[in-house]
C-alpha atoms as a PDB file:
ATOM      1  CA  MET A   1      -9.468   2.851 -36.246  1.00  0.00           C
ATOM      2  CA  SER A   2      -9.592  -0.474 -37.810  1.00  0.00           C
ATOM      3  CA  SER A   3     -13.517  -1.713 -39.166  1.00  0.00           C
ATOM      4  CA  HIS A   4     -15.519  -4.549 -38.234  1.00  0.00           C
ATOM      5  CA  SER A   5     -18.505  -6.275 -39.246  1.00  0.00           C
ATOM      6  CA  ILE A   6     -22.032  -6.087 -37.224  1.00  0.00           C
ATOM      7  CA  GLU A   7     -21.288 -10.021 -36.881  1.00  0.00           C
ATOM      8  CA  GLU A   8     -17.910  -9.148 -34.620  1.00  0.00           C
ATOM      9  CA  ILE A   9     -19.455  -6.509 -32.796  1.00  0.00           C
ATOM     10  CA  CYS A  10     -22.342  -7.982 -31.677  1.00  0.00           C
ATOM     11  CA  SER A  11     -20.156 -10.966 -30.529  1.00  0.00           C
ATOM     12  CA  HIS A  12     -17.607  -8.498 -28.864  1.00  0.00           C
ATOM     13  CA  ILE A  13     -20.517  -6.711 -26.957  1.00  0.00           C
ATOM     14  CA  GLY A  14     -22.238  -9.272 -26.348  1.00  0.00           C
ATOM     15  CA  SER A  15     -25.583  -8.294 -27.999  1.00  0.00           C
ATOM     16  CA  GLU A  16     -28.239 -10.519 -30.664  1.00  0.00           C
ATOM     17  CA  LEU A  17     -27.704  -9.805 -34.240  1.00  0.00           C
ATOM     18  CA  PRO A  18     -29.853  -7.280 -35.939  1.00  0.00           C
ATOM     19  CA  SER A  19     -31.596  -8.485 -38.996  1.00  0.00           C
ATOM     20  CA  GLU A  20     -29.077  -6.998 -41.544  1.00  0.00           C
ATOM     21  CA  ARG A  21     -25.889  -8.882 -40.958  1.00  0.00           C
ATOM     22  CA  ASN A  22     -24.016  -7.883 -43.923  1.00  0.00           C
ATOM     23  CA  VAL A  23     -22.249  -4.808 -43.075  1.00  0.00           C
ATOM     24  CA  ILE A  24     -19.290  -3.366 -42.139  1.00  0.00           C
ATOM     25  CA  ILE A  25     -19.100  -0.746 -40.223  1.00  0.00           C
ATOM     26  CA  LYS A  26     -15.603   1.429 -40.224  1.00  0.00           C
ATOM     27  CA  ASN A  27     -16.293   3.664 -37.119  1.00  0.00           C
ATOM     28  CA  ILE A  28     -17.929   4.518 -33.239  1.00  0.00           C
ATOM     29  CA  THR A  29     -18.988   7.883 -32.836  1.00  0.00           C
ATOM     30  CA  SER A  30     -21.185   9.843 -30.912  1.00  0.00           C
ATOM     31  CA  LEU A  31     -25.290  10.414 -32.063  1.00  0.00           C
ATOM     32  CA  LYS A  32     -24.945  13.984 -33.660  1.00  0.00           C
ATOM     33  CA  ASN A  33     -21.793  13.178 -35.557  1.00  0.00           C
ATOM     34  CA  ALA A  34     -22.853   9.777 -36.738  1.00  0.00           C
ATOM     35  CA  ASP A  35     -22.928   8.540 -40.649  1.00  0.00           C
ATOM     36  CA  SER A  36     -24.383   5.441 -42.286  1.00  0.00           C
ATOM     37  CA  GLU A  37     -20.574   3.891 -41.539  1.00  0.00           C
ATOM     38  CA  SER A  38     -21.029   4.404 -38.324  1.00  0.00           C
ATOM     39  CA  ILE A  39     -22.600   3.049 -34.723  1.00  0.00           C
ATOM     40  CA  SER A  40     -23.534   5.036 -31.898  1.00  0.00           C
ATOM     41  CA  PHE A  41     -25.246   4.272 -28.603  1.00  0.00           C
ATOM     42  CA  VAL A  42     -27.206   5.912 -26.216  1.00  0.00           C
ATOM     43  CA  THR A  43     -27.666   6.166 -22.217  1.00  0.00           C
ATOM     44  CA  LYS A  44     -30.940   7.974 -21.353  1.00  0.00           C
ATOM     45  CA  SER A  45     -33.853   8.491 -23.191  1.00  0.00           C
ATOM     46  CA  SER A  46     -33.621  12.007 -22.576  1.00  0.00           C
ATOM     47  CA  PHE A  47     -31.617  11.854 -25.766  1.00  0.00           C
ATOM     48  CA  LYS A  48     -34.199  10.473 -27.822  1.00  0.00           C
ATOM     49  CA  ASP A  49     -34.259  13.929 -29.964  1.00  0.00           C
ATOM     50  CA  ASP A  50     -31.027  12.998 -30.819  1.00  0.00           C
ATOM     51  CA  LEU A  51     -31.416  10.013 -31.392  1.00  0.00           C
ATOM     52  CA  LYS A  52     -33.963   9.944 -34.141  1.00  0.00           C
ATOM     53  CA  ALA A  53     -31.974  12.750 -36.152  1.00  0.00           C
ATOM     54  CA  SER A  54     -28.744  10.865 -35.632  1.00  0.00           C
ATOM     55  CA  GLN A  55     -27.605   9.519 -39.232  1.00  0.00           C
ATOM     56  CA  ALA A  56     -25.740   5.959 -37.414  1.00  0.00           C
ATOM     57  CA  ARG A  57     -26.072   2.668 -39.556  1.00  0.00           C
ATOM     58  CA  PHE A  58     -26.796   1.333 -35.954  1.00  0.00           C
ATOM     59  CA  LEU A  59     -27.634   2.599 -32.486  1.00  0.00           C
ATOM     60  CA  ILE A  60     -26.658   0.514 -29.043  1.00  0.00           C
ATOM     61  CA  VAL A  61     -29.874   1.155 -26.931  1.00  0.00           C
ATOM     62  CA  ARG A  62     -31.754   0.011 -24.247  1.00  0.00           C
ATOM     63  CA  LYS A  63     -34.881  -2.518 -24.138  1.00  0.00           C
ATOM     64  CA  GLU A  64     -37.145   0.403 -23.680  1.00  0.00           C
ATOM     65  CA  ASP A  65     -35.314   2.883 -26.319  1.00  0.00           C
ATOM     66  CA  LEU A  66     -35.861   0.606 -28.907  1.00  0.00           C
ATOM     67  CA  TYR A  67     -38.798   1.845 -30.634  1.00  0.00           C
ATOM     68  CA  LEU A  68     -36.838   5.170 -31.303  1.00  0.00           C
ATOM     69  CA  CYS A  69     -34.509   3.306 -33.591  1.00  0.00           C
ATOM     70  CA  GLU A  70     -36.767   2.608 -36.795  1.00  0.00           C
ATOM     71  CA  GLY A  71     -34.791  -1.342 -37.288  1.00  0.00           C
ATOM     72  CA  ARG A  72     -31.456   0.499 -36.609  1.00  0.00           C
ATOM     73  CA  GLY A  73     -31.336  -1.174 -32.853  1.00  0.00           C
ATOM     74  CA  ILE A  74     -28.530  -3.699 -30.986  1.00  0.00           C
ATOM     75  CA  ILE A  75     -30.148  -4.495 -27.566  1.00  0.00           C
ATOM     76  CA  HIS A  76     -28.175  -3.799 -24.592  1.00  0.00           C
ATOM     77  CA  ALA A  77     -28.405  -3.616 -20.829  1.00  0.00           C
ATOM     78  CA  ASN A  78     -26.130  -1.254 -20.404  1.00  0.00           C
ATOM     79  CA  PRO A  79     -24.994   0.812 -23.657  1.00  0.00           C
ATOM     80  CA  TYR A  80     -21.901   2.888 -21.989  1.00  0.00           C
ATOM     81  CA  LEU A  81     -20.524  -0.555 -21.087  1.00  0.00           C
ATOM     82  CA  ALA A  82     -21.001  -2.037 -24.602  1.00  0.00           C
ATOM     83  CA  TYR A  83     -19.162   1.490 -25.769  1.00  0.00           C
ATOM     84  CA  ALA A  84     -16.067   0.881 -23.316  1.00  0.00           C
ATOM     85  CA  LYS A  85     -15.691  -2.424 -24.991  1.00  0.00           C
ATOM     86  CA  LEU A  86     -16.113  -0.898 -28.820  1.00  0.00           C
ATOM     87  CA  THR A  87     -13.660   1.450 -28.155  1.00  0.00           C
ATOM     88  CA  GLN A  88     -11.210  -1.366 -27.240  1.00  0.00           C
ATOM     89  CA  LEU A  89     -12.287  -3.011 -30.262  1.00  0.00           C
ATOM     90  CA  PHE A  90     -11.937  -0.284 -32.895  1.00  0.00           C
ATOM     91  CA  ASN A  91      -8.661   1.191 -31.902  1.00  0.00           C
ATOM     92  CA  PRO A  92      -6.421  -1.635 -30.723  1.00  0.00           C
ATOM     93  CA  ARG A  93      -3.202  -1.164 -29.638  1.00  0.00           C
ATOM     94  CA  THR A  94       0.139  -1.656 -32.089  1.00  0.00           C
ATOM     95  CA  PRO A  95       2.189  -4.658 -29.845  1.00  0.00           C
ATOM     96  CA  LEU A  96       5.741  -3.445 -29.625  1.00  0.00           C
ATOM     97  CA  LYS A  97       8.499  -5.697 -30.276  1.00  0.00           C
ATOM     98  CA  PRO A  98      10.309  -7.313 -27.636  1.00  0.00           C
ATOM     99  CA  SER A  99      13.621  -5.537 -27.075  1.00  0.00           C
ATOM    100  CA  ILE A 100      16.046  -3.764 -24.575  1.00  0.00           C
ATOM    101  CA  ASP A 101      16.953  -0.826 -25.567  1.00  0.00           C
ATOM    102  CA  PRO A 102      20.787  -0.232 -25.159  1.00  0.00           C
ATOM    103  CA  THR A 103      20.611   3.305 -23.382  1.00  0.00           C
ATOM    104  CA  ALA A 104      18.622   1.317 -20.361  1.00  0.00           C
ATOM    105  CA  ILE A 105      20.399   0.917 -17.227  1.00  0.00           C
ATOM    106  CA  ILE A 106      19.840  -2.557 -16.056  1.00  0.00           C
ATOM    107  CA  GLU A 107      21.433  -3.038 -12.655  1.00  0.00           C
ATOM    108  CA  GLN A 108      22.399  -6.689 -10.995  1.00  0.00           C
ATOM    109  CA  ASP A 109      19.992  -9.351 -10.798  1.00  0.00           C
ATOM    110  CA  VAL A 110      17.317  -8.064 -12.593  1.00  0.00           C
ATOM    111  CA  THR A 111      14.747 -10.378 -14.240  1.00  0.00           C
ATOM    112  CA  ILE A 112      13.169  -8.957 -17.497  1.00  0.00           C
ATOM    113  CA  GLY A 113      10.544 -11.212 -19.118  1.00  0.00           C
ATOM    114  CA  LYS A 114      11.296 -12.426 -22.776  1.00  0.00           C
ATOM    115  CA  THR A 115       8.135 -10.714 -24.301  1.00  0.00           C
ATOM    116  CA  ALA A 116       8.952  -7.059 -21.904  1.00  0.00           C
ATOM    117  CA  PHE A 117       9.792  -4.142 -23.765  1.00  0.00           C
ATOM    118  CA  ILE A 118      12.130  -1.791 -22.307  1.00  0.00           C
ATOM    119  CA  GLY A 119      12.964   1.559 -23.695  1.00  0.00           C
ATOM    120  CA  PRO A 120      15.590   4.103 -24.341  1.00  0.00           C
ATOM    121  CA  PHE A 121      16.799   6.030 -20.894  1.00  0.00           C
ATOM    122  CA  ASN A 122      15.140   3.996 -18.379  1.00  0.00           C
ATOM    123  CA  CYS A 123      17.021   2.433 -15.305  1.00  0.00           C
ATOM    124  CA  ILE A 124      15.950  -0.118 -13.198  1.00  0.00           C
ATOM    125  CA  GLY A 125      17.313  -1.601  -9.965  1.00  0.00           C
ATOM    126  CA  LYS A 126      18.964  -4.431  -8.660  1.00  0.00           C
ATOM    127  CA  LEU A 127      16.448  -7.596  -7.746  1.00  0.00           C
ATOM    128  CA  SER A 128      13.758  -6.043  -9.948  1.00  0.00           C
ATOM    129  CA  VAL A 129      11.356  -8.620 -11.586  1.00  0.00           C
ATOM    130  CA  ILE A 130      10.187  -7.459 -15.101  1.00  0.00           C
ATOM    131  CA  GLU A 131       7.322  -9.982 -16.252  1.00  0.00           C
ATOM    132  CA  GLU A 132       5.707 -11.125 -19.527  1.00  0.00           C
ATOM    133  CA  GLY A 133       4.779  -8.598 -21.768  1.00  0.00           C
ATOM    134  CA  VAL A 134       5.351  -5.532 -19.653  1.00  0.00           C
ATOM    135  CA  ILE A 135       5.942  -2.501 -21.517  1.00  0.00           C
ATOM    136  CA  VAL A 136       8.554   0.372 -20.099  1.00  0.00           C
ATOM    137  CA  MET A 137       8.149   3.816 -22.247  1.00  0.00           C
ATOM    138  CA  SER A 138      11.281   5.604 -22.104  1.00  0.00           C
ATOM    139  CA  HIS A 139      12.249   7.577 -19.027  1.00  0.00           C
ATOM    140  CA  VAL A 140      11.525   5.210 -16.431  1.00  0.00           C
ATOM    141  CA  SER A 141      13.011   5.089 -12.950  1.00  0.00           C
ATOM    142  CA  ILE A 142      12.418   1.742 -11.483  1.00  0.00           C
ATOM    143  CA  GLY A 143      14.245   1.015  -8.056  1.00  0.00           C
ATOM    144  CA  SER A 144      15.873  -1.976  -6.625  1.00  0.00           C
ATOM    145  CA  ASN A 145      13.374  -5.014  -5.397  1.00  0.00           C
ATOM    146  CA  VAL A 146      10.392  -4.149  -7.503  1.00  0.00           C
ATOM    147  CA  ARG A 147       8.113  -6.223  -9.491  1.00  0.00           C
ATOM    148  CA  ILE A 148       5.677  -5.471 -12.186  1.00  0.00           C
ATOM    149  CA  GLY A 149       3.144  -8.045 -13.481  1.00  0.00           C
ATOM    150  CA  ALA A 150       2.919  -9.385 -16.615  1.00  0.00           C
ATOM    151  CA  ASN A 151       0.998  -7.068 -19.379  1.00  0.00           C
ATOM    152  CA  THR A 152       1.663  -4.065 -17.404  1.00  0.00           C
ATOM    153  CA  ARG A 153       2.375  -0.219 -19.473  1.00  0.00           C
ATOM    154  CA  VAL A 154       4.428   1.812 -17.763  1.00  0.00           C
ATOM    155  CA  HIS A 155       4.548   5.381 -19.731  1.00  0.00           C
ATOM    156  CA  PRO A 156       7.147   7.656 -19.752  1.00  0.00           C
ATOM    157  CA  ASN A 157       8.534   9.651 -16.542  1.00  0.00           C
ATOM    158  CA  VAL A 158       7.278   7.892 -14.275  1.00  0.00           C
ATOM    159  CA  THR A 159       8.945   6.848 -10.786  1.00  0.00           C
ATOM    160  CA  ILE A 160       8.570   3.496  -9.161  1.00  0.00           C
ATOM    161  CA  GLY A 161      10.447   3.600  -5.764  1.00  0.00           C
ATOM    162  CA  ASN A 162      12.341   0.258  -3.953  1.00  0.00           C
ATOM    163  CA  ASP A 163      10.162  -2.503  -3.076  1.00  0.00           C
ATOM    164  CA  VAL A 164       6.993  -1.213  -4.809  1.00  0.00           C
ATOM    165  CA  VAL A 165       5.027  -4.452  -6.033  1.00  0.00           C
ATOM    166  CA  ILE A 166       2.612  -3.668  -9.295  1.00  0.00           C
ATOM    167  CA  GLY A 167      -0.056  -6.465 -10.335  1.00  0.00           C
ATOM    168  CA  GLY A 168      -0.733  -7.780 -14.108  1.00  0.00           C
ATOM    169  CA  ASN A 169      -2.540  -5.870 -16.493  1.00  0.00           C
ATOM    170  CA  CYS A 170      -1.674  -2.676 -14.827  1.00  0.00           C
ATOM    171  CA  GLU A 171      -1.292   1.398 -16.688  1.00  0.00           C
ATOM    172  CA  VAL A 172       0.669   3.724 -14.888  1.00  0.00           C
ATOM    173  CA  PHE A 173       0.329   7.156 -17.061  1.00  0.00           C
ATOM    174  CA  SER A 174       3.652   9.893 -17.578  1.00  0.00           C
ATOM    175  CA  SER A 175       4.793  11.498 -14.580  1.00  0.00           C
ATOM    176  CA  ALA A 176       3.123   9.456 -11.648  1.00  0.00           C
ATOM    177  CA  SER A 177       4.929   8.391  -8.931  1.00  0.00           C
ATOM    178  CA  ILE A 178       4.455   5.439  -6.974  1.00  0.00           C
ATOM    179  CA  GLY A 179       6.428   4.728  -3.245  1.00  0.00           C
ATOM    180  CA  THR A 180       7.600   7.662  -2.854  1.00  0.00           C
ATOM    181  CA  ASP A 181       8.125   8.980   1.113  1.00  0.00           C
ATOM    182  CA  GLY A 182       5.103   9.311   2.999  1.00  0.00           C
ATOM    183  CA  PHE A 183       4.942  12.533   4.573  1.00  0.00           C
ATOM    184  CA  GLY A 184       5.957  12.057   8.508  1.00  0.00           C
ATOM    185  CA  TYR A 185       7.214  14.449  10.892  1.00  0.00           C
ATOM    186  CA  ALA A 186       8.119  14.431  14.354  1.00  0.00           C
ATOM    187  CA  GLU A 187       7.772  18.042  16.068  1.00  0.00           C
ATOM    188  CA  SER A 188      10.331  18.550  18.727  1.00  0.00           C
ATOM    189  CA  SER A 189      10.306  20.388  21.532  1.00  0.00           C
ATOM    190  CA  GLU A 190      12.186  23.398  20.020  1.00  0.00           C
ATOM    191  CA  GLY A 191       9.731  23.527  16.943  1.00  0.00           C
ATOM    192  CA  GLU A 192      11.880  21.855  14.628  1.00  0.00           C
ATOM    193  CA  TRP A 193      10.156  18.799  12.557  1.00  0.00           C
ATOM    194  CA  LYS A 194      12.301  15.947  12.256  1.00  0.00           C
ATOM    195  CA  LYS A 195      11.653  13.035   9.597  1.00  0.00           C
ATOM    196  CA  ILE A 196      10.231   9.853  10.441  1.00  0.00           C
ATOM    197  CA  ILE A 197      11.702   7.417   7.521  1.00  0.00           C
ATOM    198  CA  GLN A 198       9.312   5.469   5.708  1.00  0.00           C
ATOM    199  CA  THR A 199      10.112   1.888   5.683  1.00  0.00           C
ATOM    200  CA  GLY A 200       6.596   0.463   4.301  1.00  0.00           C
ATOM    201  CA  SER A 201       6.424   0.219   0.378  1.00  0.00           C
ATOM    202  CA  VAL A 202       3.351  -0.168  -1.725  1.00  0.00           C
ATOM    203  CA  VAL A 203       1.691  -2.825  -2.994  1.00  0.00           C
ATOM    204  CA  ILE A 204      -1.071  -2.680  -6.456  1.00  0.00           C
ATOM    205  CA  GLY A 205      -2.925  -5.486  -7.536  1.00  0.00           C
ATOM    206  CA  ASP A 206      -4.276  -6.106 -10.524  1.00  0.00           C
ATOM    207  CA  ASN A 207      -6.174  -3.863 -13.416  1.00  0.00           C
ATOM    208  CA  VAL A 208      -5.100  -1.119 -11.857  1.00  0.00           C
ATOM    209  CA  ASP A 209      -5.125   2.423 -13.928  1.00  0.00           C
ATOM    210  CA  ILE A 210      -3.168   5.333 -12.204  1.00  0.00           C
ATOM    211  CA  GLY A 211      -3.471   8.536 -13.712  1.00  0.00           C
ATOM    212  CA  SER A 212      -0.170  11.380 -14.982  1.00  0.00           C
ATOM    213  CA  ASN A 213       1.224  12.778 -12.043  1.00  0.00           C
ATOM    214  CA  THR A 214      -1.179  11.059  -9.536  1.00  0.00           C
ATOM    215  CA  VAL A 215       1.595  10.438  -6.500  1.00  0.00           C
ATOM    216  CA  ILE A 216       1.041   7.341  -4.147  1.00  0.00           C
ATOM    217  CA  ASP A 217       3.368   7.445  -1.447  1.00  0.00           C
ATOM    218  CA  ARG A 218       4.826   4.867   0.370  1.00  0.00           C
ATOM    219  CA  GLY A 219       3.794   3.137   4.003  1.00  0.00           C
ATOM    220  CA  ALA A 220       5.431   4.857   6.834  1.00  0.00           C
ATOM    221  CA  ILE A 221       5.961   0.945   8.506  1.00  0.00           C
ATOM    222  CA  ASN A 222       3.044  -1.313   7.057  1.00  0.00           C
ATOM    223  CA  ASN A 223       2.881  -1.033   3.109  1.00  0.00           C
ATOM    224  CA  THR A 224       0.250   1.417   1.088  1.00  0.00           C
ATOM    225  CA  ILE A 225      -2.246  -1.229  -0.754  1.00  0.00           C
ATOM    226  CA  ILE A 226      -4.535  -0.074  -4.004  1.00  0.00           C
ATOM    227  CA  GLU A 227      -6.475  -3.406  -4.446  1.00  0.00           C
ATOM    228  CA  SER A 228      -7.453  -5.019  -7.675  1.00  0.00           C
ATOM    229  CA  GLY A 229      -9.973  -3.371 -10.607  1.00  0.00           C
ATOM    230  CA  THR A 230      -9.063   0.412  -8.841  1.00  0.00           C
ATOM    231  CA  LYS A 231      -9.139   3.057 -11.283  1.00  0.00           C
ATOM    232  CA  ILE A 232      -7.218   6.624 -10.401  1.00  0.00           C
ATOM    233  CA  ASP A 233      -7.422   9.516 -12.013  1.00  0.00           C
ATOM    234  CA  ASN A 234      -4.481  12.347 -12.816  1.00  0.00           C
ATOM    235  CA  GLN A 235      -3.124  14.651 -10.085  1.00  0.00           C
ATOM    236  CA  VAL A 236      -4.302  12.562  -7.198  1.00  0.00           C
ATOM    237  CA  GLN A 237      -2.529  12.267  -3.552  1.00  0.00           C
ATOM    238  CA  ILE A 238      -2.718   9.080  -1.753  1.00  0.00           C
ATOM    239  CA  GLY A 239      -0.938   9.526   1.734  1.00  0.00           C
ATOM    240  CA  HIS A 240       1.364   6.664   3.253  1.00  0.00           C
ATOM    241  CA  ASN A 241      -0.663   3.794   4.740  1.00  0.00           C
ATOM    242  CA  CYS A 242      -3.971   3.942   3.261  1.00  0.00           C
ATOM    243  CA  HIS A 243      -5.735   1.168   1.482  1.00  0.00           C
ATOM    244  CA  ILE A 244      -8.357   1.582  -1.108  1.00  0.00           C
ATOM    245  CA  GLY A 245     -10.333  -1.395  -1.440  1.00  0.00           C
ATOM    246  CA  GLU A 246     -11.126  -3.322  -5.284  1.00  0.00           C
ATOM    247  CA  ASN A 247     -13.014  -1.616  -8.094  1.00  0.00           C
ATOM    248  CA  THR A 248     -12.836   1.765  -6.216  1.00  0.00           C
ATOM    249  CA  VAL A 249     -12.695   4.687  -9.148  1.00  0.00           C
ATOM    250  CA  ILE A 250     -11.001   8.018  -7.832  1.00  0.00           C
ATOM    251  CA  ALA A 251     -11.493  11.322  -9.872  1.00  0.00           C
ATOM    252  CA  GLY A 252      -8.540  13.713 -10.432  1.00  0.00           C
ATOM    253  CA  CYS A 253      -7.498  16.279  -8.084  1.00  0.00           C
ATOM    254  CA  VAL A 254      -8.313  14.220  -4.861  1.00  0.00           C
ATOM    255  CA  GLY A 255      -6.651  13.806  -1.826  1.00  0.00           C
ATOM    256  CA  ILE A 256      -6.614  10.908   0.431  1.00  0.00           C
ATOM    257  CA  ALA A 257      -4.614  11.619   3.768  1.00  0.00           C
ATOM    258  CA  GLY A 258      -2.732   9.465   5.190  1.00  0.00           C
ATOM    259  CA  SER A 259      -3.889   5.828   6.836  1.00  0.00           C
ATOM    260  CA  ALA A 260      -7.308   6.257   5.275  1.00  0.00           C
ATOM    261  CA  VAL A 261      -9.340   3.740   4.320  1.00  0.00           C
ATOM    262  CA  LEU A 262     -12.055   2.971   1.441  1.00  0.00           C
ATOM    263  CA  GLY A 263     -14.104   0.361   0.666  1.00  0.00           C
ATOM    264  CA  SER A 264     -15.015  -1.790  -2.856  1.00  0.00           C
ATOM    265  CA  GLY A 265     -16.354  -0.228  -5.249  1.00  0.00           C
ATOM    266  CA  CYS A 266     -16.563   3.449  -3.874  1.00  0.00           C
ATOM    267  CA  ARG A 267     -16.709   6.032  -6.371  1.00  0.00           C
ATOM    268  CA  VAL A 268     -15.117   9.503  -5.173  1.00  0.00           C
ATOM    269  CA  GLY A 269     -15.588  12.944  -7.200  1.00  0.00           C
ATOM    270  CA  GLY A 270     -12.875  15.721  -8.218  1.00  0.00           C
ATOM    271  CA  ALA A 271     -11.570  17.319  -6.051  1.00  0.00           C
ATOM    272  CA  ALA A 272     -12.672  15.190  -3.267  1.00  0.00           C
ATOM    273  CA  MET A 273     -10.684  15.580  -0.188  1.00  0.00           C
ATOM    274  CA  ILE A 274     -10.431  12.283   2.664  1.00  0.00           C
ATOM    275  CA  LEU A 275      -9.038  12.945   6.433  1.00  0.00           C
ATOM    276  CA  GLY A 276      -6.576  10.601   7.581  1.00  0.00           C
ATOM    277  CA  HIS A 277      -7.115   7.956   9.564  1.00  0.00           C
ATOM    278  CA  LEU A 278     -11.256   7.639   8.607  1.00  0.00           C
ATOM    279  CA  HIS A 279     -12.991   3.865   7.581  1.00  0.00           C
ATOM    280  CA  ILE A 280     -15.292   4.577   4.522  1.00  0.00           C
ATOM    281  CA  ALA A 281     -17.602   1.722   3.562  1.00  0.00           C
ATOM    282  CA  ASP A 282     -17.884  -0.109   0.783  1.00  0.00           C
ATOM    283  CA  LYS A 283     -19.538   1.415  -2.456  1.00  0.00           C
ATOM    284  CA  THR A 284     -19.963   5.131  -0.901  1.00  0.00           C
ATOM    285  CA  THR A 285     -20.100   8.217  -3.401  1.00  0.00           C
ATOM    286  CA  ILE A 286     -18.590  11.039  -2.616  1.00  0.00           C
ATOM    287  CA  SER A 287     -19.485  14.001  -4.778  1.00  0.00           C
ATOM    288  CA  PRO A 288     -16.666  16.542  -6.014  1.00  0.00           C
ATOM    289  CA  GLY A 289     -15.405  19.044  -3.877  1.00  0.00           C
ATOM    290  CA  THR A 290     -16.759  17.313  -0.544  1.00  0.00           C
ATOM    291  CA  MET A 291     -14.773  17.149   2.462  1.00  0.00           C
ATOM    292  CA  ILE A 292     -15.280  13.758   4.615  1.00  0.00           C
ATOM    293  CA  THR A 293     -14.496  14.629   8.031  1.00  0.00           C
ATOM    294  CA  LYS A 294     -15.460  10.905   9.726  1.00  0.00           C
ATOM    295  CA  SER A 295     -15.603   7.428   9.153  1.00  0.00           C
ATOM    296  CA  ILE A 296     -18.781   6.200   7.044  1.00  0.00           C
ATOM    297  CA  LYS A 297     -20.110   2.599   8.635  1.00  0.00           C
ATOM    298  CA  LYS A 298     -22.849   2.097   6.711  1.00  0.00           C
ATOM    299  CA  SER A 299     -22.257   1.310   2.546  1.00  0.00           C
ATOM    300  CA  GLY A 300     -24.395   2.611  -0.764  1.00  0.00           C
ATOM    301  CA  GLU A 301     -24.822   5.722   0.535  1.00  0.00           C
ATOM    302  CA  LYS A 302     -24.170   9.299  -1.100  1.00  0.00           C
ATOM    303  CA  PHE A 303     -22.110  12.323   0.745  1.00  0.00           C
ATOM    304  CA  THR A 304     -22.095  15.916  -0.995  1.00  0.00           C
ATOM    305  CA  SER A 305     -20.826  19.123   1.284  1.00  0.00           C
ATOM    306  CA  ILE A 306     -19.982  22.196  -0.708  1.00  0.00           C
ATOM    307  CA  LEU A 307     -19.773  25.277   1.470  1.00  0.00           C
ATOM    308  CA  PRO A 308     -18.220  28.765   1.160  1.00  0.00           C
ATOM    309  CA  PHE A 309     -14.870  29.726   2.407  1.00  0.00           C
ATOM    310  CA  LEU A 310     -15.145  31.289   6.132  1.00  0.00           C
ATOM    311  CA  GLU A 311     -12.810  32.302   8.458  1.00  0.00           C
ATOM    312  CA  HIS A 312     -12.610  29.229  10.913  1.00  0.00           C
ATOM    313  CA  SER A 313     -14.827  30.632  13.946  1.00  0.00           C
ATOM    314  CA  ASP A 314     -17.634  31.630  12.236  1.00  0.00           C
ATOM    315  CA  TRP A 315     -17.295  28.156   9.879  1.00  0.00           C
ATOM    316  CA  LEU A 316     -17.667  26.120  13.357  1.00  0.00           C
ATOM    317  CA  ARG A 317     -21.217  28.465  14.138  1.00  0.00           C
ATOM    318  CA  PHE A 318     -22.460  28.361  10.710  1.00  0.00           C
ATOM    319  CA  ALA A 319     -22.042  24.245  11.072  1.00  0.00           C
ATOM    320  CA  SER A 320     -23.446  23.899  14.583  1.00  0.00           C
ATOM    321  CA  LYS A 321     -26.506  25.930  13.175  1.00  0.00           C
ATOM    322  CA  LEU A 322     -26.658  24.127  10.373  1.00  0.00           C
ATOM    323  CA  LYS A 323     -26.689  20.471  11.595  1.00  0.00           C
ATOM    324  CA  GLN A 324     -29.298  22.069  14.839  1.00  0.00           C
ATOM    325  CA  PHE A 325     -31.335  22.442  10.957  1.00  0.00           C
ATOM    326  CA  GLY A 326     -31.471  19.408  10.057  1.00  0.00           C
ATOM    327  CA  LYS A 327     -32.121  17.615  13.357  1.00  0.00           C
ATOM    328  CA  LYS A 328     -35.600  20.142  13.470  1.00  0.00           C
ATOM    329  CA  HIS A 329     -36.607  19.020  10.077  1.00  0.00           C
ATOM    330  CA  ASP A 330     -35.649  15.128   9.731  1.00  0.00           C
END
């Protein structure tokens, strides 16, 4: 972890300088683990006891909590956002020398930017474009006619299917799979399942993060779309033809069935489920473990539903009674 002057820190997070200006901070840490060379932050007034006991040299706080800091406070409207910015300042990435490892398999008519890094044992299909500053670590499979935007980082063991488009400044973590076949089958009169060839692809915007072991299916006909600024956690399943709006956050183990549409700025808690072909309004919050079974039309609302496991007919009766109870108490 690097060291920085308090002047540099305040400039980086957009805060005014404290009276003590000639101070070097060596790390950012929690209130309890901070020492006289540390900076820490407070998100809620409920942490005031920890704040008072903290040994941190400086504390990033909201204006209303400044009185608790005994002259060590740095005011910021969003201390957690300031903390996020400082993690990047204190932990800069080691740059990789542009190169193409000799073990990489590069097919015909592939374009690779001069400042890109292609690590060992990668395979890049024909007609693909790898733009400037892209980092492809190792054991990555990239299909044909793929485009990866500038400064995107692809971690080991990622699979990217044919015709996928990934924007700039994205990060795809280990073992994610983008552009694999969607789950499409038609049942015959004999009860057999006939595969529907998935002819769409996946289009991902800029500044998108995709967690480890997450799967984003290619579209059946139209493309699956992930708009810019969206952050997707580990082990998430996004079905074919889904459309995820910009700056949406999706936590681990969420399942989104095919053709669901999520608006911009949504927040989806861990292990939540969204059924197919539903439309979720902008800025909707879905609590962890919640199953969404119908479209949400009004933006900015929060939904929570965690019910016990029941035999289906019992669950239907329970749900009906619960709905009647709700109407009586509206």
